[in-house]
Amino acid sequence: MNIGLDIMGGDNAPDSTIDGAILACKDLSGDDRIFLFGDKDVISEKLQKRNKDCSYFEIVHAPDAIGMSDQPIKAFTQKTQSSISIGFHYLKEGKIDAFASAGNSGAMVVGSMYSVEMIQGIFRPCTAVVLPKENGGSTFLLDIGTNPDPKPEVMYQFGILGSFYAKYVYNIENPRVGLLNIGAEAEKGNILTQATYKLMKDSKHFNFVGNVEGRDILLDTADVIVSDGFTGNVLLKQLESMYHLLRKRNLYDEFVERMNYENFGGTPVLGIKSTVVVGHGISNDNAIKNMILLTKNVHKAELSLKIQDELQKHS
């Protein structure tokens, strides 16, 4: 398969992205090819310094870049020669099968909606993060920032998307879906969570198990936890801070290490008709490598097609 990588995206680009692409080659098959989107001269120079044959990659010249602080819609529509914009053009034209970037996440979501289109029936795309369970399993938290102020109907669809993500990419049969709230009782929470609970309690799309409290996030309470993007992002950043604090104090073990974002690489943009993966802005070479491998796994799982099929069955 052809995997597109935004070389100019991320705080440590282009060095981390190029090094990550080189690392990923060791785990990809001979049929896989990485398309590097960015300044051709910069990419070629850095590959030569690493004594890496450019024939391993397809370099696509993109002289401009969308910065992390750029306004997403304005940047995507006006910076047409940026690595993100050209990458999405290649994806839309079918020249690549999937596209990944650790750059401006807002621009990646905008590009997904402008270039790829939403799955029919899905209102808004969202992003998720994989969190470790104390018993060794994984929990999927979504949304983590794409939709800071969603409506209950959108929150309900997060449950659908998260359930399919857990099932088809991570092979969790009949995932348990919980709603992040301030109490386990049905009547707890603010207006948004109360309304969302009413929609979820009789769901025919997923296995709803009720409210989940913050203290249960790392326990085996649910496989998928639904949250608005504002709360989900705050929670994610808090867990990242806790991980770094524990590492700094030499208080870490195998469980704590599973909280390291580098191990997962990124998150697919869920709800669109293709494979787009967004990485952490501070990604190093190992995180970029894992982002590329995740991109391949999500595409191979045919996640978007399976979500479409499942929604049609229950429509």
Protein backbone atom coordinates (compact mmCIF):
# COMPACT_ATOMS: atom_id res chain seq x y z
CA MET A 1 0.00 0.00 0.00
CA ASN A 2 1.00 3.63 -0.48
CA ILE A 3 1.22 5.59 2.78
CA GLY A 4 1.50 9.37 2.69
CA LEU A 5 3.53 11.12 5.40
CA ASP A 6 3.63 14.86 6.07
CA ILE A 7 7.36 15.46 6.56
CA MET A 8 6.89 19.09 7.61
CA GLY A 9 4.35 18.43 10.40
CA GLY A 10 5.23 18.41 14.09
CA ASP A 11 7.41 20.31 16.55
CA ASN A 12 10.46 18.19 15.73
CA ALA A 13 10.01 18.05 11.95
CA PRO A 14 11.56 17.40 9.52
CA ASP A 15 14.25 15.38 11.34
CA SER A 16 11.89 13.31 13.48
CA THR A 17 9.54 12.58 10.58
CA ILE A 18 12.34 11.48 8.26
CA ASP A 19 13.95 9.33 10.98
CA GLY A 20 10.55 7.83 11.79
CA ALA A 21 9.94 6.97 8.14
CA ILE A 22 13.33 5.24 7.98
CA LEU A 23 12.53 3.24 11.13
CA ALA A 24 9.11 2.25 9.76
CA CYS A 25 10.68 0.74 6.63
CA LYS A 26 12.06 -2.09 8.77
CA ASP A 27 8.51 -3.16 9.71
CA LEU A 28 6.79 -2.61 6.37
CA SER A 29 6.55 -5.18 3.58
CA GLY A 30 8.11 -4.95 0.15
CA ASP A 31 4.73 -3.94 -1.27
CA ASP A 32 4.53 -0.85 0.94
CA ARG A 33 5.81 2.54 -0.12
CA ILE A 34 6.00 5.80 1.85
CA PHE A 35 5.23 9.05 0.03
CA LEU A 36 7.09 11.92 1.71
CA PHE A 37 5.33 15.28 1.37
CA GLY A 38 7.53 18.30 1.95
CA ASP A 39 10.34 20.43 0.54
CA LYS A 40 12.11 18.13 -1.92
CA ASP A 41 15.56 19.65 -1.40
CA VAL A 42 15.31 19.43 2.39
CA ILE A 43 14.10 15.82 2.30
CA SER A 44 16.79 14.71 -0.19
CA GLU A 45 19.56 16.43 1.78
CA LYS A 46 18.53 14.83 5.07
CA LEU A 47 18.17 11.37 3.51
CA GLN A 48 21.65 11.69 2.02
CA LYS A 49 23.10 12.71 5.39
CA ARG A 50 21.63 9.51 6.82
CA ASN A 51 23.06 7.48 3.92
CA LYS A 52 19.53 6.44 2.98
CA ASP A 53 18.76 5.61 -0.62
CA CYS A 54 15.92 7.87 -1.79
CA SER A 55 14.52 5.00 -3.86
CA TYR A 56 12.95 3.63 -0.66
CA PHE A 57 10.53 6.56 -0.79
CA GLU A 58 8.49 8.64 -3.17
CA ILE A 59 9.26 12.33 -2.59
CA VAL A 60 6.44 14.76 -3.40
CA HIS A 61 7.53 18.38 -3.48
CA ALA A 62 5.46 20.62 -1.18
CA PRO A 63 7.36 23.88 -0.60
CA ASP A 64 4.97 25.33 1.98
CA ALA A 65 3.95 24.15 5.46
CA ILE A 66 0.96 24.71 7.75
CA GLY A 67 2.19 25.80 11.16
CA MET A 68 0.87 24.47 14.44
CA SER A 69 -0.64 27.87 15.29
CA ASP A 70 -2.21 28.50 11.86
CA GLN A 71 -5.99 28.79 11.67
CA PRO A 72 -7.00 25.39 10.18
CA ILE A 73 -9.63 26.32 7.58
CA LYS A 74 -7.79 29.42 6.37
CA ALA A 75 -4.44 27.61 6.19
CA PHE A 76 -5.78 24.54 4.39
CA THR A 77 -7.65 26.54 1.74
CA GLN A 78 -5.00 29.22 1.19
CA LYS A 79 -1.75 27.25 1.55
CA THR A 80 -2.44 25.01 -1.41
CA GLN A 81 1.24 24.08 -1.80
CA SER A 82 1.60 22.94 1.80
CA SER A 83 2.52 19.36 2.66
CA ILE A 84 -0.91 18.77 4.23
CA SER A 85 -2.89 20.21 1.31
CA ILE A 86 -0.95 18.31 -1.34
CA GLY A 87 -1.10 15.15 0.76
CA PHE A 88 -4.88 15.33 0.85
CA HIS A 89 -4.93 16.00 -2.90
CA TYR A 90 -3.01 12.76 -3.45
CA LEU A 91 -5.39 10.93 -1.11
CA LYS A 92 -8.45 12.26 -2.93
CA GLU A 93 -6.99 11.27 -6.30
CA GLY A 94 -6.20 7.76 -5.08
CA LYS A 95 -2.44 8.17 -5.52
CA ILE A 96 -1.98 7.17 -1.87
CA ASP A 97 -4.15 4.86 0.24
CA ALA A 98 -3.74 6.69 3.55
CA PHE A 99 -2.26 9.91 4.92
CA ALA A 100 -0.60 10.67 8.27
CA SER A 101 0.75 13.81 9.94
CA ALA A 102 1.95 15.01 13.34
CA GLY A 103 1.25 18.57 12.24
CA ASN A 104 -1.71 20.89 12.73
CA SER A 105 -4.48 18.53 13.86
CA GLY A 106 -7.20 21.05 13.02
CA ALA A 107 -5.95 21.29 9.45
CA MET A 108 -5.90 17.49 9.23
CA VAL A 109 -9.55 17.32 10.33
CA VAL A 110 -10.51 20.12 7.91
CA GLY A 111 -8.67 18.32 5.13
CA SER A 112 -10.50 15.11 5.97
CA MET A 113 -13.88 16.82 5.67
CA TYR A 114 -13.04 18.86 2.55
CA SER A 115 -11.19 16.17 0.61
CA VAL A 116 -12.44 12.80 1.83
CA GLU A 117 -16.06 13.39 2.92
CA MET A 118 -17.95 12.02 5.89
CA ILE A 119 -19.46 8.56 6.09
CA GLN A 120 -23.15 8.90 5.31
CA GLY A 121 -25.11 9.47 8.50
CA ILE A 122 -22.13 10.63 10.59
CA PHE A 123 -22.38 14.28 11.62
CA ARG A 124 -18.85 15.06 12.79
CA PRO A 125 -15.44 13.34 12.70
CA CYS A 126 -13.67 12.64 15.97
CA THR A 127 -10.36 11.41 17.33
CA ALA A 128 -9.52 8.86 20.01
CA VAL A 129 -6.67 7.78 22.27
CA VAL A 130 -5.71 4.32 23.51
CA LEU A 131 -5.32 4.14 27.30
CA PRO A 132 -3.96 1.17 29.30
CA LYS A 133 -6.12 -0.87 31.63
CA GLU A 134 -4.73 -2.08 34.92
CA ASN A 135 -5.45 -5.68 33.89
CA GLY A 136 -3.43 -5.38 30.68
CA GLY A 137 -6.19 -4.49 28.23
CA SER A 138 -6.92 -1.19 26.49
CA THR A 139 -9.58 1.51 26.74
CA PHE A 140 -10.47 3.88 23.91
CA LEU A 141 -11.32 7.45 24.90
CA LEU A 142 -13.06 9.74 22.41
CA ASP A 143 -13.37 12.55 21.56
CA ILE A 144 -10.02 14.07 22.58
CA GLY A 145 -10.29 17.58 21.18
CA THR A 146 -11.87 17.60 17.74
CA ASN A 147 -15.33 18.51 19.05
CA PRO A 148 -15.08 20.58 22.25
CA ASP A 149 -18.79 21.44 22.33
CA PRO A 150 -20.78 18.62 20.66
CA LYS A 151 -24.52 17.99 20.74
CA PRO A 152 -25.95 14.81 22.31
CA GLU A 153 -26.57 13.26 18.87
CA VAL A 154 -22.88 13.71 18.02
CA MET A 155 -21.85 12.20 21.36
CA TYR A 156 -24.04 9.20 20.59
CA GLN A 157 -22.18 8.71 17.32
CA PHE A 158 -18.87 8.78 19.18
CA GLY A 159 -20.10 5.58 20.80
CA ILE A 160 -20.69 4.04 17.37
CA LEU A 161 -17.30 5.07 16.00
CA GLY A 162 -15.39 4.07 19.12
CA SER A 163 -17.09 0.69 19.25
CA PHE A 164 -16.19 -0.11 15.64
CA TYR A 165 -12.62 1.15 16.13
CA ALA A 166 -12.12 -1.15 19.12
CA LYS A 167 -13.73 -4.08 17.32
CA TYR A 168 -12.14 -3.93 13.87
CA VAL A 169 -8.68 -2.51 14.60
CA TYR A 170 -8.03 -3.98 18.07
CA ASN A 171 -10.22 -7.11 17.77
CA ILE A 172 -12.34 -6.49 20.89
CA GLU A 173 -15.58 -8.42 20.45
CA ASN A 174 -18.75 -6.56 21.48
CA PRO A 175 -16.92 -3.59 23.12
CA ARG A 176 -18.51 -2.11 26.25
CA VAL A 177 -19.26 1.59 25.77
CA GLY A 178 -19.42 3.95 28.76
CA LEU A 179 -20.21 7.66 29.07
CA LEU A 180 -17.74 9.78 31.05
CA ASN A 181 -19.66 11.49 33.83
CA ILE A 182 -19.39 12.76 37.41
CA GLY A 183 -21.37 9.84 38.82
CA ALA A 184 -22.57 6.37 37.91
CA GLU A 185 -26.27 7.17 38.36
CA ALA A 186 -28.34 7.85 35.24
CA GLU A 187 -29.53 11.25 36.47
CA LYS A 188 -26.00 12.60 37.18
CA GLY A 189 -24.12 15.09 35.04
CA ASN A 190 -24.75 18.28 33.11
CA ILE A 191 -27.38 18.86 30.44
CA LEU A 192 -25.16 17.35 27.73
CA THR A 193 -24.36 14.10 29.52
CA GLN A 194 -27.92 13.63 30.76
CA ALA A 195 -29.30 14.03 27.24
CA THR A 196 -26.60 11.76 25.81
CA TYR A 197 -27.33 9.08 28.40
CA LYS A 198 -30.98 9.00 27.34
CA LEU A 199 -29.93 8.42 23.73
CA MET A 200 -27.38 5.75 24.61
CA LYS A 201 -29.34 3.67 27.12
CA ASP A 202 -31.38 1.83 24.47
CA SER A 203 -28.74 1.87 21.72
CA LYS A 204 -29.01 -0.70 18.94
CA HIS A 205 -25.58 0.29 17.58
CA PHE A 206 -23.35 -0.57 20.54
CA ASN A 207 -23.17 -2.24 23.96
CA PHE A 208 -23.82 0.62 26.39
CA VAL A 209 -22.87 -0.08 30.03
CA GLY A 210 -23.76 3.26 31.60
CA ASN A 211 -21.81 6.14 33.12
CA VAL A 212 -18.10 5.88 33.89
CA GLU A 213 -16.38 8.11 36.45
CA GLY A 214 -12.91 9.62 36.10
CA ARG A 215 -11.46 7.26 38.71
CA ASP A 216 -12.48 4.28 36.54
CA ILE A 217 -10.63 5.38 33.40
CA LEU A 218 -7.69 2.99 33.85
CA LEU A 219 -9.78 0.11 35.25
CA ASP A 220 -11.66 -2.60 33.35
CA THR A 221 -14.97 -0.71 33.53
CA ALA A 222 -15.51 -0.20 29.81
CA ASP A 223 -13.68 -0.72 26.51
CA VAL A 224 -14.79 2.58 24.97
CA ILE A 225 -15.38 5.79 26.94
CA VAL A 226 -17.27 8.64 25.30
CA SER A 227 -16.58 12.26 26.21
CA ASP A 228 -16.96 15.71 24.70
CA GLY A 229 -13.72 16.88 23.10
CA PHE A 230 -13.02 19.54 25.73
CA THR A 231 -13.18 17.17 28.68
CA GLY A 232 -11.44 14.39 26.79
CA ASN A 233 -8.53 16.61 25.88
CA VAL A 234 -8.11 17.89 29.45
CA LEU A 235 -8.13 14.29 30.71
CA LEU A 236 -5.61 13.18 28.08
CA LYS A 237 -3.20 16.02 28.90
CA GLN A 238 -3.50 15.25 32.61
CA LEU A 239 -2.56 11.60 32.02
CA GLU A 240 0.38 12.68 29.85
CA SER A 241 1.54 15.00 32.64
CA MET A 242 1.23 12.19 35.19
CA TYR A 243 3.30 9.88 32.98
CA HIS A 244 6.12 12.39 32.63
CA LEU A 245 6.05 13.18 36.36
CA LEU A 246 6.34 9.49 37.26
CA ARG A 247 9.20 9.02 34.78
CA LYS A 248 10.98 12.08 36.19
CA ARG A 249 10.77 10.60 39.69
CA ASN A 250 11.83 7.13 38.48
CA LEU A 251 8.46 5.72 39.57
CA TYR A 252 7.48 3.75 36.52
CA ASP A 253 6.90 0.15 35.51
CA GLU A 254 5.40 -1.75 32.59
CA PHE A 255 1.91 -0.34 33.22
CA VAL A 256 3.12 3.25 33.43
CA GLU A 257 5.16 2.81 30.25
CA ARG A 258 1.97 1.84 28.40
CA MET A 259 0.79 5.41 29.00
CA ASN A 260 3.58 6.68 26.74
CA TYR A 261 1.99 8.20 23.61
CA GLU A 262 4.98 7.09 21.53
CA ASN A 263 3.78 3.49 21.67
CA PHE A 264 0.56 4.26 19.79
CA GLY A 265 1.74 6.88 17.33
CA GLY A 266 -1.53 8.70 16.84
CA THR A 267 -5.24 8.42 16.21
CA PRO A 268 -7.29 7.89 13.06
CA VAL A 269 -9.83 10.54 12.17
CA LEU A 270 -13.00 8.50 12.70
CA GLY A 271 -16.14 8.98 10.64
CA ILE A 272 -14.60 9.72 7.22
CA LYS A 273 -14.46 7.63 4.04
CA SER A 274 -10.73 7.00 4.06
CA THR A 275 -7.73 6.53 6.35
CA VAL A 276 -6.26 9.67 7.92
CA VAL A 277 -4.11 9.48 11.05
CA VAL A 278 -3.06 12.38 13.28
CA GLY A 279 0.01 12.13 15.50
CA HIS A 280 1.06 14.08 18.59
CA GLY A 281 2.69 17.42 17.81
CA ILE A 282 5.74 16.57 19.94
CA SER A 283 6.28 13.21 18.22
CA ASN A 284 9.84 11.88 18.04
CA ASP A 285 11.12 9.35 15.51
CA ASN A 286 9.69 6.35 17.39
CA ALA A 287 6.25 7.93 17.62
CA ILE A 288 6.35 8.75 13.89
CA LYS A 289 7.28 5.15 13.12
CA ASN A 290 4.33 3.89 15.16
CA MET A 291 2.03 6.45 13.52
CA ILE A 292 2.96 5.03 10.11
CA LEU A 293 2.39 1.45 11.27
CA LEU A 294 -0.98 2.42 12.82
CA THR A 295 -1.94 4.03 9.52
CA LYS A 296 -1.26 0.77 7.71
CA ASN A 297 -3.20 -1.29 10.27
CA VAL A 298 -6.26 0.99 10.14
CA HIS A 299 -6.29 0.87 6.35
CA LYS A 300 -5.87 -2.91 6.27
CA ALA A 301 -8.78 -3.26 8.70
CA GLU A 302 -10.99 -1.40 6.17
CA LEU A 303 -12.42 0.51 9.11
CA SER A 304 -14.32 3.14 7.13
CA LEU A 305 -15.97 0.53 4.87
CA LYS A 306 -17.02 -1.59 7.84
CA ILE A 307 -18.49 1.42 9.64
CA GLN A 308 -20.51 2.25 6.51
CA ASP A 309 -21.75 -1.34 6.21
CA GLU A 310 -22.74 -1.54 9.87
CA LEU A 311 -24.62 1.75 9.77
CA GLN A 312 -26.58 0.62 6.71
CA LYS A 313 -27.60 -2.59 8.50
CA HIS A 314 -29.11 -0.61 11.41
CA SER A 315 -30.55 2.28 9.41
